[in-house]
């Protein structure tokens, strides 16, 4: 009987954790991070859900003879914004999933 109570308690904890994860993911989708490259010439904004929502380019850096430099700045700013977004999500969700180890559950990728 005690084993069944432990399983029920664990299932309740898992359900609570799922609700917390969903809430955290919903909140992350609304939050944004912005990264820049080229001294602020290119700015990229990404949500916590990894959606690129904005790309700003200073018109002064648009040189038709050097499109590669502009592409490199956009790429660098995008990668930095995505990395920052992933770090933000990891910190937020890590606090929730950290409890899995306490329950004896080790889920790969979490």
Protein backbone atom coordinates (compact mmCIF):
# COMPACT_ATOMS: atom_id res chain seq x y z
CA UNK A 1 0.00 0.00 0.00
CA UNK A 2 2.84 2.41 0.81
CA UNK A 3 4.38 1.76 -2.61
CA UNK A 4 1.11 2.74 -4.31
CA UNK A 5 0.97 5.96 -2.27
CA UNK A 6 4.52 6.78 -3.34
CA UNK A 7 3.59 6.21 -6.99
CA UNK A 8 0.49 8.39 -6.62
CA UNK A 9 2.53 11.13 -4.95
CA UNK A 10 5.14 10.94 -7.71
CA UNK A 11 2.44 11.17 -10.39
CA UNK A 12 0.97 14.25 -8.71
CA UNK A 13 4.43 15.83 -8.65
CA UNK A 14 4.94 15.03 -12.33
CA UNK A 15 1.56 16.58 -13.24
CA UNK A 16 2.40 19.70 -11.23
CA UNK A 17 5.77 19.89 -12.97
CA UNK A 18 4.09 19.57 -16.38
CA UNK A 19 1.80 22.48 -15.53
CA UNK A 20 4.75 24.56 -14.36
CA UNK A 21 6.69 23.70 -17.53
CA UNK A 22 3.78 24.75 -19.74
CA UNK A 23 3.37 27.99 -17.85
CA UNK A 24 7.12 28.72 -18.07
CA UNK A 25 7.14 27.96 -21.81
CA UNK A 26 4.16 30.27 -22.35
CA UNK A 27 5.94 33.04 -20.45
CA UNK A 28 9.18 32.46 -22.35
CA UNK A 29 7.37 32.81 -25.67
CA UNK A 30 6.45 36.36 -24.61
CA UNK A 31 9.93 37.37 -23.43
CA UNK A 32 12.61 38.58 -25.80
CA UNK A 33 16.36 39.01 -25.94
CA UNK A 34 18.19 41.32 -28.31
CA UNK A 35 21.75 40.93 -29.55
CA UNK A 36 23.79 43.17 -31.77
CA UNK A 37 26.81 43.01 -34.04
CA UNK A 38 28.99 45.58 -35.73
CA UNK A 39 28.87 47.95 -32.78
CA UNK A 40 25.08 48.00 -32.82
CA UNK A 41 24.76 48.32 -36.60
CA UNK A 42 22.69 45.13 -36.69
CA UNK A 43 20.25 44.13 -33.94
CA UNK A 44 18.27 40.90 -33.80
CA UNK A 45 15.49 40.18 -31.32
CA UNK A 46 14.43 36.60 -30.50
CA UNK A 47 11.72 35.29 -28.18
CA UNK A 48 12.29 32.71 -25.48
CA UNK A 49 10.57 30.32 -27.89
CA UNK A 50 13.40 30.89 -30.42
CA UNK A 51 11.31 32.93 -32.85
CA UNK A 52 13.16 35.79 -34.55
CA UNK A 53 10.78 38.73 -34.21
CA UNK A 54 12.91 41.66 -35.33
CA UNK A 55 15.99 42.48 -37.40
CA UNK A 56 17.21 46.08 -37.43
CA UNK A 57 19.96 47.24 -39.78
CA UNK A 58 21.52 50.69 -39.63
CA UNK A 59 21.26 52.04 -43.22
CA UNK A 60 24.82 53.36 -42.98
CA UNK A 61 26.23 49.81 -42.98
CA UNK A 62 24.44 48.83 -46.17
CA UNK A 63 27.24 48.78 -48.73
CA UNK A 64 26.29 47.20 -52.06
CA UNK A 65 29.98 46.47 -52.64
CA UNK A 66 30.34 44.54 -49.38
CA UNK A 67 27.17 42.54 -48.84
CA UNK A 68 29.18 39.75 -47.20
CA UNK A 69 30.07 41.94 -44.21
CA UNK A 70 26.39 42.77 -43.66
CA UNK A 71 25.45 39.10 -43.94
CA UNK A 72 28.15 38.23 -41.40
CA UNK A 73 26.82 40.85 -38.96
CA UNK A 74 23.24 39.59 -39.32
CA UNK A 75 24.43 36.04 -38.80
CA UNK A 76 26.51 36.96 -35.74
CA UNK A 77 23.69 38.95 -34.13
CA UNK A 78 21.17 36.17 -34.84
CA UNK A 79 23.40 33.46 -33.38
CA UNK A 80 24.09 35.55 -30.28
CA UNK A 81 20.38 36.26 -29.79
CA UNK A 82 19.48 32.58 -30.21
CA UNK A 83 22.18 31.56 -27.72
CA UNK A 84 20.95 34.15 -25.21
CA UNK A 85 17.38 32.93 -25.68
CA UNK A 86 18.44 29.32 -25.07
CA UNK A 87 20.33 30.33 -21.92
CA UNK A 88 17.28 32.20 -20.65
CA UNK A 89 15.06 29.17 -21.31
CA UNK A 90 17.55 26.79 -19.74
CA UNK A 91 17.72 28.83 -16.54
CA UNK A 92 13.94 29.15 -16.34
CA UNK A 93 13.12 25.53 -17.15
CA UNK A 94 16.10 24.09 -15.28
CA UNK A 95 14.59 25.22 -11.99
CA UNK A 96 11.49 23.20 -12.75
CA UNK A 97 13.12 20.08 -14.16
CA UNK A 98 15.75 20.04 -11.42
CA UNK A 99 13.17 18.39 -9.19
CA UNK A 100 13.12 15.29 -11.38
CA UNK A 101 16.36 14.03 -9.86
CA UNK A 102 14.89 14.41 -6.39
CA UNK A 103 12.09 12.03 -7.41
CA UNK A 104 14.52 9.50 -8.82
CA UNK A 105 13.65 10.40 -12.42
CA UNK A 106 16.47 11.17 -14.79
CA UNK A 107 15.14 12.18 -18.18
CA UNK A 108 17.68 12.62 -20.96
CA UNK A 109 17.71 16.04 -22.54
CA UNK A 110 16.16 17.81 -19.55
